[in-house]
């Protein structure tokens, strides 16, 4: 007996089709709405909380910002 998985992409796709095939359209729509909502929440957390925190701690590099010097003009 071998433990080789042949055509793993096809097996995952067929498992997904079987999973979705047993659901009504309303259940599929509510599942996709929940997934989309989770993506929006994750994006908001990344932009508003996690990215600024990581930039302050130096884990990731921030975007360089233009600043005003003593003349009061910033280059365009």
PDB file of N, CA and C in Angstrom:
ATOM      1  N   UNK A   1       0.846  -1.180   0.000  1.00  0.00           N
ATOM      2  CA  UNK A   1       0.000   0.000   0.000  1.00  0.00           C
ATOM      3  C   UNK A   1       0.887   1.238   0.000  1.00  0.00           C
ATOM      4  N   UNK A   2       0.595   2.157  -0.890  1.00  0.00           N
ATOM      5  CA  UNK A   2       1.371   3.389  -0.951  1.00  0.00           C
ATOM      6  C   UNK A   2       0.538   4.546  -0.427  1.00  0.00           C
ATOM      7  N   UNK A   3       1.229   5.548   0.092  1.00  0.00           N
ATOM      8  CA  UNK A   3       0.553   6.730   0.628  1.00  0.00           C
ATOM      9  C   UNK A   3       0.639   7.902  -0.336  1.00  0.00           C
ATOM     10  N   UNK A   4       0.957   7.630  -1.593  1.00  0.00           N
ATOM     11  CA  UNK A   4       1.058   8.701  -2.576  1.00  0.00           C
ATOM     12  C   UNK A   4      -0.320   9.257  -2.905  1.00  0.00           C
ATOM     13  N   UNK A   5      -0.388  10.584  -2.967  1.00  0.00           N
ATOM     14  CA  UNK A   5      -1.625  11.238  -3.365  1.00  0.00           C
ATOM     15  C   UNK A   5      -1.480  11.623  -4.823  1.00  0.00           C
ATOM     16  N   UNK A   6      -2.289  11.033  -5.649  1.00  0.00           N
ATOM     17  CA  UNK A   6      -2.232  11.333  -7.070  1.00  0.00           C
ATOM     18  C   UNK A   6      -3.310  12.352  -7.398  1.00  0.00           C
ATOM     19  N   UNK A   7      -2.944  13.378  -8.138  1.00  0.00           N
ATOM     20  CA  UNK A   7      -3.840  14.454  -8.558  1.00  0.00           C
ATOM     21  C   UNK A   7      -4.476  15.153  -7.356  1.00  0.00           C
ATOM     22  N   UNK A   8      -3.677  15.761  -6.478  1.00  0.00           N
ATOM     23  CA  UNK A   8      -4.240  16.385  -5.279  1.00  0.00           C
ATOM     24  C   UNK A   8      -5.167  17.557  -5.592  1.00  0.00           C
ATOM     25  N   UNK A   9      -4.887  18.307  -6.668  1.00  0.00           N
ATOM     26  CA  UNK A   9      -5.750  19.440  -7.007  1.00  0.00           C
ATOM     27  C   UNK A   9      -7.133  18.949  -7.407  1.00  0.00           C
ATOM     28  N   UNK A  10      -7.175  17.872  -8.175  1.00  0.00           N
ATOM     29  CA  UNK A  10      -8.464  17.319  -8.585  1.00  0.00           C
ATOM     30  C   UNK A  10      -9.236  16.784  -7.380  1.00  0.00           C
ATOM     31  N   UNK A  11      -8.529  16.195  -6.437  1.00  0.00           N
ATOM     32  CA  UNK A  11      -9.206  15.670  -5.245  1.00  0.00           C
ATOM     33  C   UNK A  11      -9.775  16.796  -4.382  1.00  0.00           C
ATOM     34  N   UNK A  12      -9.017  17.891  -4.250  1.00  0.00           N
ATOM     35  CA  UNK A  12      -9.510  19.032  -3.478  1.00  0.00           C
ATOM     36  C   UNK A  12     -10.704  19.666  -4.178  1.00  0.00           C
ATOM     37  N   UNK A  13     -10.626  19.781  -5.503  1.00  0.00           N
ATOM     38  CA  UNK A  13     -11.738  20.369  -6.257  1.00  0.00           C
ATOM     39  C   UNK A  13     -12.990  19.498  -6.153  1.00  0.00           C
ATOM     40  N   UNK A  14     -12.831  18.202  -6.222  1.00  0.00           N
ATOM     41  CA  UNK A  14     -14.008  17.335  -6.119  1.00  0.00           C
ATOM     42  C   UNK A  14     -14.579  17.352  -4.709  1.00  0.00           C
ATOM     43  N   UNK A  15     -13.718  17.456  -3.699  1.00  0.00           N
ATOM     44  CA  UNK A  15     -14.216  17.551  -2.322  1.00  0.00           C
ATOM     45  C   UNK A  15     -14.991  18.848  -2.132  1.00  0.00           C
ATOM     46  N   UNK A  16     -14.488  19.941  -2.722  1.00  0.00           N
ATOM     47  CA  UNK A  16     -15.215  21.207  -2.641  1.00  0.00           C
ATOM     48  C   UNK A  16     -16.548  21.144  -3.360  1.00  0.00           C
ATOM     49  N   UNK A  17     -16.576  20.469  -4.505  1.00  0.00           N
ATOM     50  CA  UNK A  17     -17.827  20.330  -5.253  1.00  0.00           C
ATOM     51  C   UNK A  17     -18.843  19.511  -4.472  1.00  0.00           C
ATOM     52  N   UNK A  18     -18.385  18.459  -3.828  1.00  0.00           N
ATOM     53  CA  UNK A  18     -19.293  17.636  -3.016  1.00  0.00           C
ATOM     54  C   UNK A  18     -19.809  18.442  -1.830  1.00  0.00           C
ATOM     55  N   UNK A  19     -18.910  19.230  -1.205  1.00  0.00           N
ATOM     56  CA  UNK A  19     -19.310  20.053  -0.062  1.00  0.00           C
ATOM     57  C   UNK A  19     -20.362  21.070  -0.478  1.00  0.00           C
ATOM     58  N   UNK A  20     -20.112  21.769  -1.594  1.00  0.00           N
ATOM     59  CA  UNK A  20     -21.064  22.780  -2.063  1.00  0.00           C
ATOM     60  C   UNK A  20     -22.310  22.153  -2.676  1.00  0.00           C
ATOM     61  N   UNK A  21     -22.177  20.963  -3.231  1.00  0.00           N
ATOM     62  CA  UNK A  21     -23.314  20.300  -3.855  1.00  0.00           C
ATOM     63  C   UNK A  21     -24.397  19.908  -2.870  1.00  0.00           C
ATOM     64  N   UNK A  22     -24.020  19.701  -1.625  1.00  0.00           N
ATOM     65  CA  UNK A  22     -24.993  19.314  -0.611  1.00  0.00           C
ATOM     66  C   UNK A  22     -25.668  20.497   0.060  1.00  0.00           C
ATOM     67  N   UNK A  23     -25.380  21.701  -0.421  1.00  0.00           N
ATOM     68  CA  UNK A  23     -25.928  22.904   0.205  1.00  0.00           C
ATOM     69  C   UNK A  23     -26.943  23.564  -0.724  1.00  0.00           C
ATOM     70  N   UNK A  24     -27.871  24.305  -0.131  1.00  0.00           N
ATOM     71  CA  UNK A  24     -28.810  25.083  -0.932  1.00  0.00           C
ATOM     72  C   UNK A  24     -28.133  26.376  -1.361  1.00  0.00           C
ATOM     73  N   UNK A  25     -28.741  27.070  -2.331  1.00  0.00           N
ATOM     74  CA  UNK A  25     -28.170  28.336  -2.791  1.00  0.00           C
ATOM     75  C   UNK A  25     -28.122  29.370  -1.682  1.00  0.00           C
ATOM     76  N   UNK A  26     -29.097  29.345  -0.813  1.00  0.00           N
ATOM     77  CA  UNK A  26     -29.113  30.280   0.312  1.00  0.00           C
ATOM     78  C   UNK A  26     -27.957  30.025   1.268  1.00  0.00           C
ATOM     79  N   UNK A  27     -27.663  28.751   1.519  1.00  0.00           N
ATOM     80  CA  UNK A  27     -26.534  28.418   2.386  1.00  0.00           C
ATOM     81  C   UNK A  27     -25.206  28.799   1.751  1.00  0.00           C
ATOM     82  N   UNK A  28     -25.084  28.583   0.444  1.00  0.00           N
ATOM     83  CA  UNK A  28     -23.861  28.963  -0.267  1.00  0.00           C
ATOM     84  C   UNK A  28     -23.684  30.479  -0.210  1.00  0.00           C
ATOM     85  N   UNK A  29     -24.771  31.215  -0.431  1.00  0.00           N
ATOM     86  CA  UNK A  29     -24.700  32.680  -0.405  1.00  0.00           C
ATOM     87  C   UNK A  29     -24.323  33.184   0.980  1.00  0.00           C
ATOM     88  N   UNK A  30     -24.896  32.608   2.023  1.00  0.00           N
ATOM     89  CA  UNK A  30     -24.558  33.062   3.373  1.00  0.00           C
ATOM     90  C   UNK A  30     -23.123  32.690   3.736  1.00  0.00           C
ATOM     91  N   UNK A  31     -22.628  31.553   3.251  1.00  0.00           N
ATOM     92  CA  UNK A  31     -21.245  31.167   3.503  1.00  0.00           C
ATOM     93  C   UNK A  31     -20.289  32.141   2.806  1.00  0.00           C
ATOM     94  N   UNK A  32     -20.592  32.500   1.552  1.00  0.00           N
ATOM     95  CA  UNK A  32     -19.747  33.449   0.823  1.00  0.00           C
ATOM     96  C   UNK A  32     -19.815  34.839   1.450  1.00  0.00           C
ATOM     97  N   UNK A  33     -20.981  35.234   1.948  1.00  0.00           N
ATOM     98  CA  UNK A  33     -21.107  36.534   2.618  1.00  0.00           C
ATOM     99  C   UNK A  33     -20.283  36.555   3.899  1.00  0.00           C
ATOM    100  N   UNK A  34     -20.282  35.460   4.643  1.00  0.00           N
ATOM    101  CA  UNK A  34     -19.481  35.393   5.861  1.00  0.00           C
ATOM    102  C   UNK A  34     -17.989  35.427   5.531  1.00  0.00           C
ATOM    103  N   UNK A  35     -17.588  34.753   4.476  1.00  0.00           N
ATOM    104  CA  UNK A  35     -16.188  34.768   4.049  1.00  0.00           C
ATOM    105  C   UNK A  35     -15.757  36.168   3.612  1.00  0.00           C
ATOM    106  N   UNK A  36     -16.621  36.859   2.870  1.00  0.00           N
ATOM    107  CA  UNK A  36     -16.323  38.217   2.424  1.00  0.00           C
ATOM    108  C   UNK A  36     -16.232  39.172   3.610  1.00  0.00           C
ATOM    109  N   UNK A  37     -17.125  39.026   4.568  1.00  0.00           N
ATOM    110  CA  UNK A  37     -17.099  39.858   5.765  1.00  0.00           C
ATOM    111  C   UNK A  37     -15.814  39.622   6.552  1.00  0.00           C
ATOM    112  N   UNK A  38     -15.401  38.365   6.663  1.00  0.00           N
ATOM    113  CA  UNK A  38     -14.159  38.056   7.364  1.00  0.00           C
ATOM    114  C   UNK A  38     -12.971  38.686   6.649  1.00  0.00           C
ATOM    115  N   UNK A  39     -12.966  38.671   5.323  1.00  0.00           N
ATOM    116  CA  UNK A  39     -11.881  39.308   4.559  1.00  0.00           C
ATOM    117  C   UNK A  39     -11.847  40.813   4.804  1.00  0.00           C
ATOM    118  N   UNK A  40     -13.012  41.451   4.846  1.00  0.00           N
ATOM    119  CA  UNK A  40     -13.062  42.890   5.111  1.00  0.00           C
ATOM    120  C   UNK A  40     -12.576  43.226   6.515  1.00  0.00           C
ATOM    121  N   UNK A  41     -12.928  42.404   7.490  1.00  0.00           N
ATOM    122  CA  UNK A  41     -12.484  42.632   8.869  1.00  0.00           C
ATOM    123  C   UNK A  41     -10.978  42.459   8.971  1.00  0.00           C
ATOM    124  N   UNK A  42     -10.434  41.436   8.315  1.00  0.00           N
ATOM    125  CA  UNK A  42      -8.988  41.201   8.342  1.00  0.00           C
ATOM    126  C   UNK A  42      -8.255  42.360   7.673  1.00  0.00           C
ATOM    127  N   UNK A  43      -8.788  42.852   6.541  1.00  0.00           N
ATOM    128  CA  UNK A  43      -8.158  43.982   5.869  1.00  0.00           C
ATOM    129  C   UNK A  43      -8.174  45.223   6.757  1.00  0.00           C
ATOM    130  N   UNK A  44      -9.287  45.491   7.437  1.00  0.00           N
ATOM    131  CA  UNK A  44      -9.381  46.645   8.316  1.00  0.00           C
ATOM    132  C   UNK A  44      -8.392  46.521   9.470  1.00  0.00           C
ATOM    133  N   UNK A  45      -8.301  45.325  10.068  1.00  0.00           N
ATOM    134  CA  UNK A  45      -7.349  45.125  11.150  1.00  0.00           C
ATOM    135  C   UNK A  45      -5.914  45.317  10.683  1.00  0.00           C
ATOM    136  N   UNK A  46      -5.587  44.854   9.480  1.00  0.00           N
ATOM    137  CA  UNK A  46      -4.235  45.019   8.970  1.00  0.00           C
ATOM    138  C   UNK A  46      -3.909  46.495   8.758  1.00  0.00           C
ATOM    139  N   UNK A  47      -4.819  47.214   8.105  1.00  0.00           N
ATOM    140  CA  UNK A  47      -4.537  48.615   7.783  1.00  0.00           C
ATOM    141  C   UNK A  47      -4.538  49.512   9.014  1.00  0.00           C
ATOM    142  N   UNK A  48      -5.444  49.297   9.956  1.00  0.00           N
ATOM    143  CA  UNK A  48      -5.629  50.216  11.075  1.00  0.00           C
ATOM    144  C   UNK A  48      -4.847  49.831  12.320  1.00  0.00           C
ATOM    145  N   UNK A  49      -4.559  48.542  12.517  1.00  0.00           N
ATOM    146  CA  UNK A  49      -3.942  48.121  13.775  1.00  0.00           C
ATOM    147  C   UNK A  49      -2.588  47.450  13.550  1.00  0.00           C
ATOM    148  N   UNK A  50      -2.568  46.377  12.774  1.00  0.00           N
ATOM    149  CA  UNK A  50      -1.371  45.555  12.690  1.00  0.00           C
ATOM    150  C   UNK A  50      -0.231  46.199  11.909  1.00  0.00           C
ATOM    151  N   UNK A  51      -0.526  46.828  10.772  1.00  0.00           N
ATOM    152  CA  UNK A  51       0.537  47.442   9.971  1.00  0.00           C
ATOM    153  C   UNK A  51       1.193  48.614  10.698  1.00  0.00           C
ATOM    154  N   UNK A  52       0.428  49.556  11.280  1.00  0.00           N
ATOM    155  CA  UNK A  52       1.092  50.625  12.041  1.00  0.00           C
ATOM    156  C   UNK A  52       1.903  50.100  13.227  1.00  0.00           C
ATOM    157  N   UNK A  53       1.409  49.075  13.886  1.00  0.00           N
ATOM    158  CA  UNK A  53       2.141  48.488  15.001  1.00  0.00           C
ATOM    159  C   UNK A  53       3.451  47.874  14.516  1.00  0.00           C
ATOM    160  N   UNK A  54       3.393  47.155  13.415  1.00  0.00           N
ATOM    161  CA  UNK A  54       4.599  46.530  12.862  1.00  0.00           C
ATOM    162  C   UNK A  54       5.594  47.578  12.372  1.00  0.00           C
ATOM    163  N   UNK A  55       5.103  48.690  11.839  1.00  0.00           N
ATOM    164  CA  UNK A  55       6.001  49.750  11.397  1.00  0.00           C
ATOM    165  C   UNK A  55       6.662  50.435  12.592  1.00  0.00           C
ATOM    166  N   UNK A  56       5.909  50.687  13.657  1.00  0.00           N
ATOM    167  CA  UNK A  56       6.486  51.318  14.840  1.00  0.00           C
ATOM    168  C   UNK A  56       7.551  50.436  15.487  1.00  0.00           C
ATOM    169  N   UNK A  57       7.318  49.141  15.482  1.00  0.00           N
ATOM    170  CA  UNK A  57       8.281  48.228  16.094  1.00  0.00           C
ATOM    171  C   UNK A  57       9.453  47.902  15.181  1.00  0.00           C
ATOM    172  N   UNK A  58       9.377  48.283  13.899  1.00  0.00           N
ATOM    173  CA  UNK A  58      10.469  48.047  12.981  1.00  0.00           C
ATOM    174  C   UNK A  58      10.451  46.689  12.313  1.00  0.00           C
ATOM    175  N   UNK A  59       9.336  45.974  12.411  1.00  0.00           N
ATOM    176  CA  UNK A  59       9.244  44.662  11.778  1.00  0.00           C
ATOM    177  C   UNK A  59       9.138  44.795  10.264  1.00  0.00           C
ATOM    178  N   UNK A  60       8.447  45.840   9.808  1.00  0.00           N
ATOM    179  CA  UNK A  60       8.354  46.127   8.378  1.00  0.00           C
ATOM    180  C   UNK A  60       8.709  47.584   8.165  1.00  0.00           C
ATOM    181  N   UNK A  61       9.171  47.896   6.958  1.00  0.00           N
ATOM    182  CA  UNK A  61       9.575  49.263   6.653  1.00  0.00           C
ATOM    183  C   UNK A  61       8.362  50.051   6.187  1.00  0.00           C
ATOM    184  N   UNK A  62       8.240  51.262   6.678  1.00  0.00           N
ATOM    185  CA  UNK A  62       7.134  52.117   6.299  1.00  0.00           C
ATOM    186  C   UNK A  62       7.432  52.871   5.017  1.00  0.00           C
ATOM    187  N   UNK A  63       6.425  53.446   4.448  1.00  0.00           N
ATOM    188  CA  UNK A  63       6.560  54.254   3.246  1.00  0.00           C
ATOM    189  C   UNK A  63       7.163  55.607   3.622  1.00  0.00           C
ATOM    190  N   UNK A  64       8.203  56.044   2.917  1.00  0.00           N
ATOM    191  CA  UNK A  64       8.787  57.347   3.272  1.00  0.00           C
ATOM    192  C   UNK A  64       7.795  58.485   3.023  1.00  0.00           C
ATOM    193  N   UNK A  65       7.692  59.389   3.965  1.00  0.00           N
ATOM    194  CA  UNK A  65       6.749  60.503   3.886  1.00  0.00           C
ATOM    195  C   UNK A  65       7.501  61.792   3.633  1.00  0.00           C
ATOM    196  N   UNK A  66       6.898  62.661   2.826  1.00  0.00           N
ATOM    197  CA  UNK A  66       7.447  64.002   2.636  1.00  0.00           C
ATOM    198  C   UNK A  66       7.130  64.839   3.869  1.00  0.00           C
ATOM    199  N   UNK A  67       8.009  65.746   4.223  1.00  0.00           N
ATOM    200  CA  UNK A  67       7.769  66.598   5.379  1.00  0.00           C
ATOM    201  C   UNK A  67       8.148  68.035   5.008  1.00  0.00           C
ATOM    202  N   UNK A  68       7.547  68.939   5.744  1.00  0.00           N
ATOM    203  CA  UNK A  68       7.818  70.359   5.508  1.00  0.00           C
ATOM    204  C   UNK A  68       9.102  70.748   6.216  1.00  0.00           C
ATOM    205  N   UNK A  69       9.947  71.486   5.524  1.00  0.00           N
ATOM    206  CA  UNK A  69      11.155  72.013   6.159  1.00  0.00           C
ATOM    207  C   UNK A  69      10.885  73.440   6.644  1.00  0.00           C
ATOM    208  N   UNK A  70      11.929  74.156   6.951  1.00  0.00           N
ATOM    209  CA  UNK A  70      11.760  75.483   7.529  1.00  0.00           C
ATOM    210  C   UNK A  70      11.188  76.489   6.515  1.00  0.00           C
ATOM    211  N   UNK A  71      11.284  76.198   5.206  1.00  0.00           N
ATOM    212  CA  UNK A  71      10.750  77.131   4.216  1.00  0.00           C
ATOM    213  C   UNK A  71       9.242  77.011   4.061  1.00  0.00           C
ATOM    214  N   UNK A  72       8.667  75.916   4.551  1.00  0.00           N
ATOM    215  CA  UNK A  72       7.214  75.755   4.490  1.00  0.00           C
ATOM    216  C   UNK A  72       6.706  75.214   3.165  1.00  0.00           C
ATOM    217  N   UNK A  73       7.593  74.682   2.349  1.00  0.00           N
ATOM    218  CA  UNK A  73       7.133  74.118   1.078  1.00  0.00           C
ATOM    219  C   UNK A  73       7.647  72.687   0.948  1.00  0.00           C
ATOM    220  N   UNK A  74       6.789  71.836   0.420  1.00  0.00           N
ATOM    221  CA  UNK A  74       7.168  70.446   0.183  1.00  0.00           C
ATOM    222  C   UNK A  74       7.255  70.223  -1.313  1.00  0.00           C
ATOM    223  N   UNK A  75       8.220  69.427  -1.767  1.00  0.00           N
ATOM    224  CA  UNK A  75       8.324  69.160  -3.213  1.00  0.00           C
ATOM    225  C   UNK A  75       7.144  68.345  -3.708  1.00  0.00           C
ATOM    226  N   UNK A  76       6.694  68.653  -4.897  1.00  0.00           N
ATOM    227  CA  UNK A  76       5.575  67.913  -5.464  1.00  0.00           C
ATOM    228  C   UNK A  76       6.092  66.760  -6.193  1.00  0.00           C
TER     229      UNK A  76
END
